[in-house]
């Protein structure tokens, strides 16, 4: 039997059900399948809710649970698609344009705040989905050098996200409306 703190955490989660469902549906594209993923996530997390110490962080914790459930759903779906020998491309790239649109708009707004070469590298690899090897070849540098630059670019972008989007930086994009600096 859950104690009163666990019941309080569960009631907070249930009160946010419609937001959770919308979050999953945008990333899956089907209301029925989103309902199923959400229900499975609720069922599997009930036994772990006591591990969340702070009631204020229960929603952020559950968004992480949902992200993992969505990734698992996409992996299962990729395995079920007929004729696919290698589903690694499906797991690397967003499954549809809806997911791409849902990337936190903060990223595009924050790219101008980092070094232009870094911003371009993040745009090409992370937002457009090009391979590091292809970008390296286009720029006339080794793949290893491009990976190092991409690592530095992501670190610079991460610092900007932490300064601008505190909730997103800590818990991942929660479809927030960050306090963007003017001009971003």
N, C-alpha and C. Protein backbone atom coordinates (compact mmCIF):
# COMPACT_ATOMS: atom_id res chain seq x y z
N UNK A 1 0.85 -1.19 0.00
CA UNK A 1 0.00 0.00 0.00
C UNK A 1 0.89 1.24 0.00
N UNK A 2 0.68 2.16 -0.94
CA UNK A 2 1.50 3.36 -0.99
C UNK A 2 1.24 4.26 0.22
N UNK A 3 2.30 4.92 0.70
CA UNK A 3 2.11 5.85 1.81
C UNK A 3 1.55 7.16 1.27
N UNK A 4 1.29 8.12 2.16
CA UNK A 4 0.65 9.37 1.74
C UNK A 4 1.52 10.17 0.77
N UNK A 5 2.84 10.13 0.94
CA UNK A 5 3.74 10.84 0.02
C UNK A 5 3.67 10.22 -1.37
N UNK A 6 3.63 8.89 -1.44
CA UNK A 6 3.51 8.21 -2.73
C UNK A 6 2.17 8.52 -3.38
N UNK A 7 1.11 8.52 -2.59
CA UNK A 7 -0.23 8.86 -3.14
C UNK A 7 -0.23 10.28 -3.67
N UNK A 8 0.45 11.19 -2.97
CA UNK A 8 0.53 12.58 -3.43
C UNK A 8 1.28 12.66 -4.76
N UNK A 9 2.39 11.94 -4.87
CA UNK A 9 3.16 11.92 -6.12
C UNK A 9 2.31 11.37 -7.27
N UNK A 10 1.60 10.28 -7.00
CA UNK A 10 0.75 9.69 -8.03
C UNK A 10 -0.37 10.63 -8.45
N UNK A 11 -0.94 11.34 -7.50
CA UNK A 11 -2.02 12.28 -7.86
C UNK A 11 -1.48 13.44 -8.70
N UNK A 12 -0.24 13.85 -8.45
CA UNK A 12 0.38 14.89 -9.28
C UNK A 12 0.55 14.38 -10.70
N UNK A 13 1.00 13.14 -10.84
CA UNK A 13 1.16 12.55 -12.17
C UNK A 13 -0.19 12.44 -12.88
N UNK A 14 -1.20 11.96 -12.19
CA UNK A 14 -2.51 11.80 -12.81
C UNK A 14 -3.12 13.15 -13.19
N UNK A 15 -2.85 14.18 -12.43
CA UNK A 15 -3.35 15.51 -12.76
C UNK A 15 -2.70 16.06 -14.03
N UNK A 16 -1.53 15.56 -14.36
CA UNK A 16 -0.81 16.02 -15.56
C UNK A 16 -1.02 15.09 -16.74
N UNK A 17 -1.95 14.16 -16.64
CA UNK A 17 -2.15 13.14 -17.66
C UNK A 17 -2.36 13.72 -19.06
N UNK A 18 -3.18 14.74 -19.18
CA UNK A 18 -3.47 15.29 -20.52
C UNK A 18 -2.22 15.90 -21.15
N UNK A 19 -1.36 16.55 -20.36
CA UNK A 19 -0.11 17.08 -20.89
C UNK A 19 0.82 15.95 -21.31
N UNK A 20 0.87 14.90 -20.50
CA UNK A 20 1.71 13.75 -20.85
C UNK A 20 1.23 13.10 -22.14
N UNK A 21 -0.09 12.95 -22.27
CA UNK A 21 -0.63 12.33 -23.48
C UNK A 21 -0.32 13.16 -24.71
N UNK A 22 -0.47 14.47 -24.61
CA UNK A 22 -0.15 15.34 -25.75
C UNK A 22 1.34 15.24 -26.10
N UNK A 23 2.18 15.18 -25.11
CA UNK A 23 3.63 15.04 -25.31
C UNK A 23 3.94 13.77 -26.09
N UNK A 24 3.36 12.66 -25.68
CA UNK A 24 3.62 11.38 -26.33
C UNK A 24 3.01 11.36 -27.73
N UNK A 25 1.80 11.85 -27.85
CA UNK A 25 1.12 11.82 -29.16
C UNK A 25 1.88 12.62 -30.21
N UNK A 26 2.44 13.75 -29.84
CA UNK A 26 3.23 14.55 -30.80
C UNK A 26 4.43 13.77 -31.30
N UNK A 27 4.97 12.90 -30.48
CA UNK A 27 6.18 12.18 -30.85
C UNK A 27 5.90 10.82 -31.50
N UNK A 28 4.66 10.36 -31.38
CA UNK A 28 4.31 9.07 -31.97
C UNK A 28 3.38 9.24 -33.16
N UNK A 29 2.49 10.21 -33.09
CA UNK A 29 1.61 10.50 -34.22
C UNK A 29 0.26 9.82 -34.15
N UNK A 30 0.04 8.94 -33.22
CA UNK A 30 -1.23 8.22 -33.11
C UNK A 30 -1.75 8.35 -31.68
N UNK A 31 -2.97 8.81 -31.56
CA UNK A 31 -3.56 8.98 -30.23
C UNK A 31 -3.70 7.63 -29.52
N UNK A 32 -4.15 6.62 -30.26
CA UNK A 32 -4.36 5.31 -29.65
C UNK A 32 -3.05 4.72 -29.15
N UNK A 33 -2.00 4.81 -29.98
CA UNK A 33 -0.70 4.27 -29.55
C UNK A 33 -0.11 5.12 -28.44
N UNK A 34 -0.35 6.42 -28.46
CA UNK A 34 0.13 7.29 -27.39
C UNK A 34 -0.53 6.90 -26.07
N UNK A 35 -1.85 6.61 -26.12
CA UNK A 35 -2.56 6.16 -24.92
C UNK A 35 -1.91 4.89 -24.37
N UNK A 36 -1.57 3.97 -25.25
CA UNK A 36 -0.97 2.71 -24.83
C UNK A 36 0.41 2.93 -24.21
N UNK A 37 1.23 3.77 -24.85
CA UNK A 37 2.57 4.07 -24.32
C UNK A 37 2.45 4.74 -22.96
N UNK A 38 1.53 5.70 -22.85
CA UNK A 38 1.34 6.41 -21.58
C UNK A 38 0.87 5.45 -20.48
N UNK A 39 -0.08 4.59 -20.82
CA UNK A 39 -0.58 3.63 -19.83
C UNK A 39 0.53 2.70 -19.36
N UNK A 40 1.33 2.21 -20.31
CA UNK A 40 2.46 1.34 -19.95
C UNK A 40 3.46 2.08 -19.06
N UNK A 41 3.71 3.35 -19.38
CA UNK A 41 4.65 4.14 -18.59
C UNK A 41 4.12 4.35 -17.17
N UNK A 42 2.82 4.65 -17.05
CA UNK A 42 2.22 4.78 -15.73
C UNK A 42 2.35 3.48 -14.95
N UNK A 43 2.01 2.37 -15.60
CA UNK A 43 2.04 1.08 -14.92
C UNK A 43 3.44 0.71 -14.45
N UNK A 44 4.43 0.95 -15.31
CA UNK A 44 5.79 0.57 -14.92
C UNK A 44 6.40 1.52 -13.90
N UNK A 45 5.91 2.75 -13.83
CA UNK A 45 6.52 3.71 -12.91
C UNK A 45 5.89 3.72 -11.53
N UNK A 46 4.72 3.14 -11.38
CA UNK A 46 4.04 3.14 -10.07
C UNK A 46 4.93 2.55 -8.99
N UNK A 47 5.62 1.48 -9.32
CA UNK A 47 6.46 0.84 -8.30
C UNK A 47 7.75 1.60 -8.02
N UNK A 48 8.09 2.57 -8.88
CA UNK A 48 9.33 3.32 -8.70
C UNK A 48 9.11 4.75 -8.20
N UNK A 49 7.86 5.15 -8.05
CA UNK A 49 7.55 6.52 -7.67
C UNK A 49 8.12 6.87 -6.30
N UNK A 50 8.26 5.88 -5.43
CA UNK A 50 8.79 6.16 -4.09
C UNK A 50 10.26 6.58 -4.15
N UNK A 51 10.95 6.26 -5.24
CA UNK A 51 12.36 6.63 -5.39
C UNK A 51 12.56 8.11 -5.68
N UNK A 52 11.48 8.79 -6.05
CA UNK A 52 11.56 10.23 -6.32
C UNK A 52 11.34 10.94 -5.00
N UNK A 53 12.39 11.55 -4.51
CA UNK A 53 12.35 12.14 -3.17
C UNK A 53 11.54 13.43 -3.10
N UNK A 54 11.67 14.25 -4.10
CA UNK A 54 11.07 15.58 -4.08
C UNK A 54 9.79 15.59 -4.92
N UNK A 55 8.68 15.94 -4.32
CA UNK A 55 7.41 15.98 -5.06
C UNK A 55 7.46 16.96 -6.22
N UNK A 56 8.26 18.01 -6.10
CA UNK A 56 8.35 19.00 -7.17
C UNK A 56 9.01 18.43 -8.42
N UNK A 57 9.83 17.39 -8.27
CA UNK A 57 10.53 16.85 -9.43
C UNK A 57 9.84 15.65 -10.04
N UNK A 58 8.68 15.26 -9.54
CA UNK A 58 8.00 14.07 -10.03
C UNK A 58 7.60 14.22 -11.50
N UNK A 59 7.16 15.39 -11.91
CA UNK A 59 6.74 15.60 -13.31
C UNK A 59 7.95 15.51 -14.23
N UNK A 60 9.04 16.14 -13.86
CA UNK A 60 10.25 16.07 -14.68
C UNK A 60 10.75 14.63 -14.76
N UNK A 61 10.69 13.91 -13.64
CA UNK A 61 11.09 12.50 -13.63
C UNK A 61 10.21 11.69 -14.59
N UNK A 62 8.91 11.96 -14.58
CA UNK A 62 8.02 11.18 -15.43
C UNK A 62 8.22 11.52 -16.91
N UNK A 63 8.58 12.76 -17.22
CA UNK A 63 8.91 13.08 -18.61
C UNK A 63 10.10 12.24 -19.08
N UNK A 64 11.07 12.02 -18.21
CA UNK A 64 12.20 11.14 -18.59
C UNK A 64 11.71 9.71 -18.82
N UNK A 65 10.81 9.24 -17.97
CA UNK A 65 10.22 7.91 -18.16
C UNK A 65 9.52 7.85 -19.52
N UNK A 66 8.75 8.90 -19.84
CA UNK A 66 8.05 8.93 -21.13
C UNK A 66 9.01 8.96 -22.31
N UNK A 67 10.08 9.74 -22.20
CA UNK A 67 11.06 9.77 -23.30
C UNK A 67 11.63 8.38 -23.55
N UNK A 68 11.96 7.67 -22.50
CA UNK A 68 12.47 6.30 -22.65
C UNK A 68 11.41 5.39 -23.27
N UNK A 69 10.16 5.54 -22.85
CA UNK A 69 9.08 4.73 -23.41
C UNK A 69 8.88 5.03 -24.89
N UNK A 70 9.01 6.28 -25.28
CA UNK A 70 8.87 6.68 -26.69
C UNK A 70 10.00 6.08 -27.51
N UNK A 71 11.21 6.15 -27.00
CA UNK A 71 12.35 5.56 -27.71
C UNK A 71 12.14 4.06 -27.87
N UNK A 72 11.69 3.40 -26.82
CA UNK A 72 11.41 1.96 -26.90
C UNK A 72 10.34 1.67 -27.93
N UNK A 73 9.29 2.49 -27.98
CA UNK A 73 8.22 2.31 -28.96
C UNK A 73 8.77 2.42 -30.38
N UNK A 74 9.61 3.44 -30.63
CA UNK A 74 10.19 3.61 -31.96
C UNK A 74 11.10 2.43 -32.32
N UNK A 75 11.82 1.93 -31.37
CA UNK A 75 12.68 0.77 -31.63
C UNK A 75 11.85 -0.45 -31.98
N UNK A 76 10.79 -0.70 -31.23
CA UNK A 76 9.91 -1.84 -31.54
C UNK A 76 9.29 -1.67 -32.91
N UNK A 77 8.86 -0.48 -33.19
CA UNK A 77 8.23 -0.20 -34.49
C UNK A 77 9.22 -0.41 -35.63
N UNK A 78 10.45 0.02 -35.44
CA UNK A 78 11.47 -0.15 -36.47
C UNK A 78 11.74 -1.63 -36.73
N UNK A 79 11.73 -2.44 -35.67
CA UNK A 79 11.95 -3.88 -35.83
C UNK A 79 10.77 -4.54 -36.54
N UNK A 80 9.58 -4.00 -36.35
CA UNK A 80 8.38 -4.60 -36.94
C UNK A 80 8.19 -4.24 -38.41
N UNK A 81 8.84 -3.18 -38.88
CA UNK A 81 8.67 -2.79 -40.29
C UNK A 81 9.26 -3.86 -41.18
N UNK A 82 8.48 -4.35 -42.14
CA UNK A 82 8.98 -5.44 -43.00
C UNK A 82 10.07 -4.97 -43.94
N UNK A 83 11.01 -5.90 -44.20
CA UNK A 83 12.04 -5.64 -45.20
C UNK A 83 13.20 -4.80 -44.72
N UNK A 84 13.27 -4.51 -43.45
CA UNK A 84 14.38 -3.71 -42.96
C UNK A 84 15.39 -4.63 -42.31
N UNK A 85 16.53 -4.73 -42.93
CA UNK A 85 17.60 -5.57 -42.38
C UNK A 85 18.31 -4.82 -41.26
N UNK A 86 18.53 -3.53 -41.49
CA UNK A 86 19.31 -2.72 -40.56
C UNK A 86 18.48 -1.51 -40.19
N UNK A 87 18.03 -1.43 -38.94
CA UNK A 87 17.20 -0.30 -38.53
C UNK A 87 18.00 0.79 -37.83
N UNK A 88 19.32 0.76 -37.92
CA UNK A 88 20.13 1.74 -37.20
C UNK A 88 19.85 3.16 -37.68
N UNK A 89 19.56 3.35 -38.97
CA UNK A 89 19.25 4.69 -39.46
C UNK A 89 17.95 5.21 -38.85
N UNK A 90 16.98 4.32 -38.66
CA UNK A 90 15.72 4.75 -38.06
C UNK A 90 15.91 5.17 -36.62
N UNK A 91 16.82 4.52 -35.92
CA UNK A 91 17.02 4.86 -34.52
C UNK A 91 17.84 6.13 -34.36
N UNK A 92 18.62 6.48 -35.36
CA UNK A 92 19.46 7.67 -35.29
C UNK A 92 18.67 8.93 -35.67
N UNK A 93 17.79 8.80 -36.67
CA UNK A 93 17.08 9.96 -37.18
C UNK A 93 15.68 10.02 -36.60
N UNK A 94 15.10 11.20 -36.52
CA UNK A 94 13.73 11.30 -36.05
C UNK A 94 12.82 10.51 -36.99
N UNK A 95 11.81 9.83 -36.47
CA UNK A 95 10.98 8.99 -37.30
C UNK A 95 10.06 9.77 -38.22
N UNK A 96 9.77 11.02 -37.91
CA UNK A 96 8.94 11.81 -38.79
C UNK A 96 9.20 13.28 -38.56
N UNK A 97 8.60 14.09 -39.41
CA UNK A 97 8.84 15.53 -39.31
C UNK A 97 8.18 16.13 -38.07
N UNK A 98 7.16 15.50 -37.53
CA UNK A 98 6.52 16.03 -36.33
C UNK A 98 7.50 16.04 -35.16
N UNK A 99 8.28 14.98 -35.04
CA UNK A 99 9.27 14.93 -33.97
C UNK A 99 10.32 16.00 -34.19
N UNK A 100 10.74 16.19 -35.43
CA UNK A 100 11.74 17.21 -35.74
C UNK A 100 11.20 18.60 -35.37
N UNK A 101 9.92 18.85 -35.67
CA UNK A 101 9.32 20.15 -35.34
C UNK A 101 9.30 20.36 -33.83
N UNK A 102 9.20 19.27 -33.07
CA UNK A 102 9.10 19.38 -31.63
C UNK A 102 10.43 19.61 -30.93
N UNK A 103 11.53 19.57 -31.70
CA UNK A 103 12.81 19.90 -31.06
C UNK A 103 12.67 21.29 -30.47
N UNK A 104 13.22 21.44 -29.31
CA UNK A 104 13.06 22.72 -28.62
C UNK A 104 13.48 23.87 -29.53
N UNK A 105 12.56 24.81 -29.74
CA UNK A 105 12.84 25.94 -30.60
C UNK A 105 13.98 26.80 -30.05
N UNK A 106 14.31 26.58 -28.81
CA UNK A 106 15.40 27.33 -28.19
C UNK A 106 16.72 27.08 -28.92
N UNK A 107 16.92 25.86 -29.40
CA UNK A 107 18.19 25.51 -30.02
C UNK A 107 18.46 26.42 -31.21
N UNK A 108 17.50 26.54 -32.10
CA UNK A 108 17.68 27.42 -33.26
C UNK A 108 17.95 28.85 -32.81
N UNK A 109 17.22 29.28 -31.78
CA UNK A 109 17.40 30.65 -31.30
C UNK A 109 18.72 30.89 -30.61
N UNK A 110 19.31 29.83 -30.06
CA UNK A 110 20.57 29.98 -29.33
C UNK A 110 21.80 29.76 -30.20
N UNK A 111 21.65 29.16 -31.35
CA UNK A 111 22.81 28.91 -32.22
C UNK A 111 23.59 30.18 -32.55
N UNK A 112 22.93 31.32 -32.80
CA UNK A 112 23.70 32.54 -33.09
C UNK A 112 24.59 33.01 -31.94
N UNK A 113 24.35 32.47 -30.74
CA UNK A 113 25.13 32.90 -29.58
C UNK A 113 26.46 32.17 -29.45
N UNK A 114 26.65 31.10 -30.22
CA UNK A 114 27.92 30.38 -30.17
C UNK A 114 28.71 30.70 -31.42
N UNK A 115 29.97 30.29 -31.46
CA UNK A 115 30.86 30.56 -32.60
C UNK A 115 30.18 30.08 -33.89
N UNK A 116 30.21 30.88 -34.95
CA UNK A 116 29.52 30.51 -36.20
C UNK A 116 29.91 29.14 -36.76
N UNK A 117 31.19 28.76 -36.67
CA UNK A 117 31.59 27.44 -37.15
C UNK A 117 30.95 26.33 -36.33
N UNK A 118 30.88 26.55 -35.01
CA UNK A 118 30.24 25.57 -34.14
C UNK A 118 28.74 25.50 -34.44
N UNK A 119 28.11 26.65 -34.61
CA UNK A 119 26.68 26.69 -34.89
C UNK A 119 26.36 25.94 -36.18
N UNK A 120 27.17 26.15 -37.19
CA UNK A 120 26.96 25.47 -38.48
C UNK A 120 27.11 23.95 -38.32
N UNK A 121 28.08 23.53 -37.56
CA UNK A 121 28.31 22.11 -37.34
C UNK A 121 27.12 21.47 -36.62
N UNK A 122 26.62 22.12 -35.58
CA UNK A 122 25.44 21.61 -34.86
C UNK A 122 24.24 21.57 -35.80
N UNK A 123 24.06 22.62 -36.58
CA UNK A 123 22.93 22.68 -37.51
C UNK A 123 22.99 21.50 -38.50
N UNK A 124 24.17 21.28 -39.10
CA UNK A 124 24.30 20.23 -40.11
C UNK A 124 24.13 18.83 -39.52
N UNK A 125 24.78 18.56 -38.39
CA UNK A 125 24.77 17.20 -37.84
C UNK A 125 23.52 16.94 -37.00
N UNK A 126 23.24 17.81 -36.06
CA UNK A 126 22.16 17.52 -35.11
C UNK A 126 20.77 17.90 -35.61
N UNK A 127 20.67 18.99 -36.36
CA UNK A 127 19.34 19.42 -36.81
C UNK A 127 18.99 18.90 -38.20
N UNK A 128 19.99 18.78 -39.09
CA UNK A 128 19.71 18.29 -40.43
C UNK A 128 20.00 16.81 -40.58
N UNK A 129 20.68 16.21 -39.60
CA UNK A 129 20.90 14.78 -39.61
C UNK A 129 22.01 14.28 -40.52
N UNK A 130 22.91 15.17 -40.95
CA UNK A 130 24.02 14.72 -41.79
C UNK A 130 25.04 14.00 -40.92
N UNK A 131 25.78 13.10 -41.52
CA UNK A 131 26.78 12.36 -40.75
C UNK A 131 28.01 13.23 -40.51
N UNK A 132 28.69 12.96 -39.42
CA UNK A 132 29.92 13.69 -39.10
C UNK A 132 30.94 13.48 -40.21
N UNK A 133 31.03 12.25 -40.73
CA UNK A 133 31.98 11.95 -41.81
C UNK A 133 31.72 12.77 -43.06
N UNK A 134 30.45 12.90 -43.44
CA UNK A 134 30.11 13.68 -44.63
C UNK A 134 30.43 15.16 -44.43
N UNK A 135 30.13 15.68 -43.25
CA UNK A 135 30.42 17.09 -42.96
C UNK A 135 31.94 17.31 -42.95
N UNK A 136 32.67 16.38 -42.37
CA UNK A 136 34.13 16.48 -42.34
C UNK A 136 34.69 16.50 -43.75
N UNK A 137 34.20 15.62 -44.59
CA UNK A 137 34.68 15.57 -45.98
C UNK A 137 34.39 16.87 -46.71
N UNK A 138 33.18 17.41 -46.54
CA UNK A 138 32.83 18.69 -47.17
C UNK A 138 33.72 19.84 -46.71
N UNK A 139 34.14 19.78 -45.46
CA UNK A 139 34.97 20.85 -44.90
C UNK A 139 36.45 20.59 -45.06
N UNK A 140 36.81 19.41 -45.56
CA UNK A 140 38.22 19.10 -45.78
C UNK A 140 39.01 18.84 -44.51
N UNK A 141 38.34 18.27 -43.50
CA UNK A 141 39.01 17.93 -42.26
C UNK A 141 38.78 16.44 -41.99
N UNK A 142 39.56 15.89 -41.09
CA UNK A 142 39.38 14.48 -40.75
C UNK A 142 38.10 14.30 -39.94
N UNK A 143 37.56 13.08 -39.97
CA UNK A 143 36.36 12.79 -39.20
C UNK A 143 36.62 12.96 -37.70
N UNK A 144 37.81 12.59 -37.26
CA UNK A 144 38.16 12.77 -35.85
C UNK A 144 38.15 14.23 -35.44
N UNK A 145 38.70 15.07 -36.29
CA UNK A 145 38.72 16.50 -36.02
C UNK A 145 37.29 17.06 -35.98
N UNK A 146 36.45 16.59 -36.89
CA UNK A 146 35.07 17.06 -36.92
C UNK A 146 34.32 16.61 -35.66
N UNK A 147 34.60 15.39 -35.19
CA UNK A 147 33.95 14.91 -33.96
C UNK A 147 34.37 15.76 -32.75
N UNK A 148 35.65 16.12 -32.70
CA UNK A 148 36.13 16.96 -31.60
C UNK A 148 35.45 18.33 -31.65
N UNK A 149 35.37 18.91 -32.84
CA UNK A 149 34.71 20.22 -32.99
C UNK A 149 33.22 20.13 -32.64
N UNK A 150 32.59 19.04 -33.04
CA UNK A 150 31.18 18.87 -32.71
C UNK A 150 31.00 18.75 -31.20
N UNK A 151 31.90 18.04 -30.55
CA UNK A 151 31.84 17.94 -29.09
C UNK A 151 31.96 19.32 -28.45
N UNK A 152 32.88 20.12 -28.93
CA UNK A 152 33.06 21.48 -28.40
C UNK A 152 31.84 22.35 -28.71
N UNK A 153 31.29 22.17 -29.91
CA UNK A 153 30.11 22.95 -30.29
C UNK A 153 28.93 22.62 -29.39
N UNK A 154 28.73 21.33 -29.13
CA UNK A 154 27.63 20.93 -28.25
C UNK A 154 27.84 21.44 -26.83
N UNK A 155 29.09 21.45 -26.37
CA UNK A 155 29.38 21.97 -25.03
C UNK A 155 29.06 23.46 -24.97
N UNK A 156 29.42 24.20 -26.01
CA UNK A 156 29.12 25.64 -26.04
C UNK A 156 27.61 25.87 -26.07
N UNK A 157 26.91 25.09 -26.86
CA UNK A 157 25.46 25.21 -26.94
C UNK A 157 24.82 24.82 -25.60
N UNK A 158 25.34 23.79 -24.97
CA UNK A 158 24.83 23.36 -23.67
C UNK A 158 24.95 24.50 -22.65
N UNK A 159 26.08 25.21 -22.67
CA UNK A 159 26.24 26.35 -21.74
C UNK A 159 25.17 27.41 -21.99
N UNK A 160 24.89 27.68 -23.26
CA UNK A 160 23.86 28.68 -23.58
C UNK A 160 22.48 28.20 -23.15
N UNK A 161 22.20 26.92 -23.33
CA UNK A 161 20.92 26.37 -22.90
C UNK A 161 20.80 26.48 -21.38
N UNK A 162 21.87 26.19 -20.66
CA UNK A 162 21.83 26.27 -19.20
C UNK A 162 21.60 27.70 -18.73
N UNK A 163 22.14 28.66 -19.44
CA UNK A 163 21.94 30.06 -19.06
C UNK A 163 20.53 30.54 -19.40
N UNK A 164 19.98 30.05 -20.47
CA UNK A 164 18.71 30.57 -20.98
C UNK A 164 17.51 29.73 -20.56
N UNK A 165 17.63 28.44 -20.65
CA UNK A 165 16.49 27.53 -20.46
C UNK A 165 16.75 26.65 -19.26
N UNK A 166 16.66 27.18 -18.11
CA UNK A 166 17.05 26.43 -16.93
C UNK A 166 16.30 25.11 -16.78
N UNK A 167 14.98 25.09 -16.95
CA UNK A 167 14.22 23.86 -16.80
C UNK A 167 14.61 22.86 -17.88
N UNK A 168 14.71 23.34 -19.12
CA UNK A 168 15.08 22.44 -20.23
C UNK A 168 16.48 21.89 -20.01
N UNK A 169 17.37 22.71 -19.54
CA UNK A 169 18.75 22.26 -19.35
C UNK A 169 18.83 21.17 -18.30
N UNK A 170 18.00 21.27 -17.29
CA UNK A 170 18.05 20.29 -16.21
C UNK A 170 17.28 19.02 -16.53
N UNK A 171 16.12 19.15 -17.18
CA UNK A 171 15.24 18.01 -17.36
C UNK A 171 14.99 17.63 -18.81
N UNK A 172 15.61 18.31 -19.75
CA UNK A 172 15.31 18.07 -21.16
C UNK A 172 14.15 18.96 -21.56
N UNK A 173 13.99 19.15 -22.85
CA UNK A 173 12.95 20.06 -23.32
C UNK A 173 11.58 19.56 -22.91
N UNK A 174 10.87 20.41 -22.19
CA UNK A 174 9.53 20.07 -21.74
C UNK A 174 8.50 20.93 -22.45
N UNK A 175 8.81 21.30 -23.70
CA UNK A 175 7.92 22.15 -24.49
C UNK A 175 7.66 23.46 -23.75
N UNK A 176 8.73 24.01 -23.25
CA UNK A 176 8.64 25.21 -22.44
C UNK A 176 8.61 26.46 -23.31
N UNK A 177 8.43 27.55 -22.66
CA UNK A 177 8.62 28.85 -23.30
C UNK A 177 9.72 29.52 -22.53
N UNK A 178 10.94 29.27 -22.95
CA UNK A 178 12.11 29.78 -22.24
C UNK A 178 12.20 31.29 -22.32
N UNK A 179 12.87 31.85 -21.35
CA UNK A 179 13.12 33.29 -21.35
C UNK A 179 14.35 33.52 -22.21
N UNK A 180 14.11 33.66 -23.51
CA UNK A 180 15.22 33.82 -24.44
C UNK A 180 15.78 35.23 -24.37
N UNK A 181 17.10 35.37 -24.55
CA UNK A 181 17.65 36.70 -24.60
C UNK A 181 17.14 37.44 -25.83
N UNK A 182 17.08 38.75 -25.75
CA UNK A 182 16.60 39.51 -26.90
C UNK A 182 17.49 39.24 -28.11
N UNK A 183 16.83 39.06 -29.24
CA UNK A 183 17.58 38.79 -30.46
C UNK A 183 17.82 37.32 -30.71
N UNK A 184 17.48 36.44 -29.74
CA UNK A 184 17.70 34.99 -29.94
C UNK A 184 16.48 34.37 -30.54
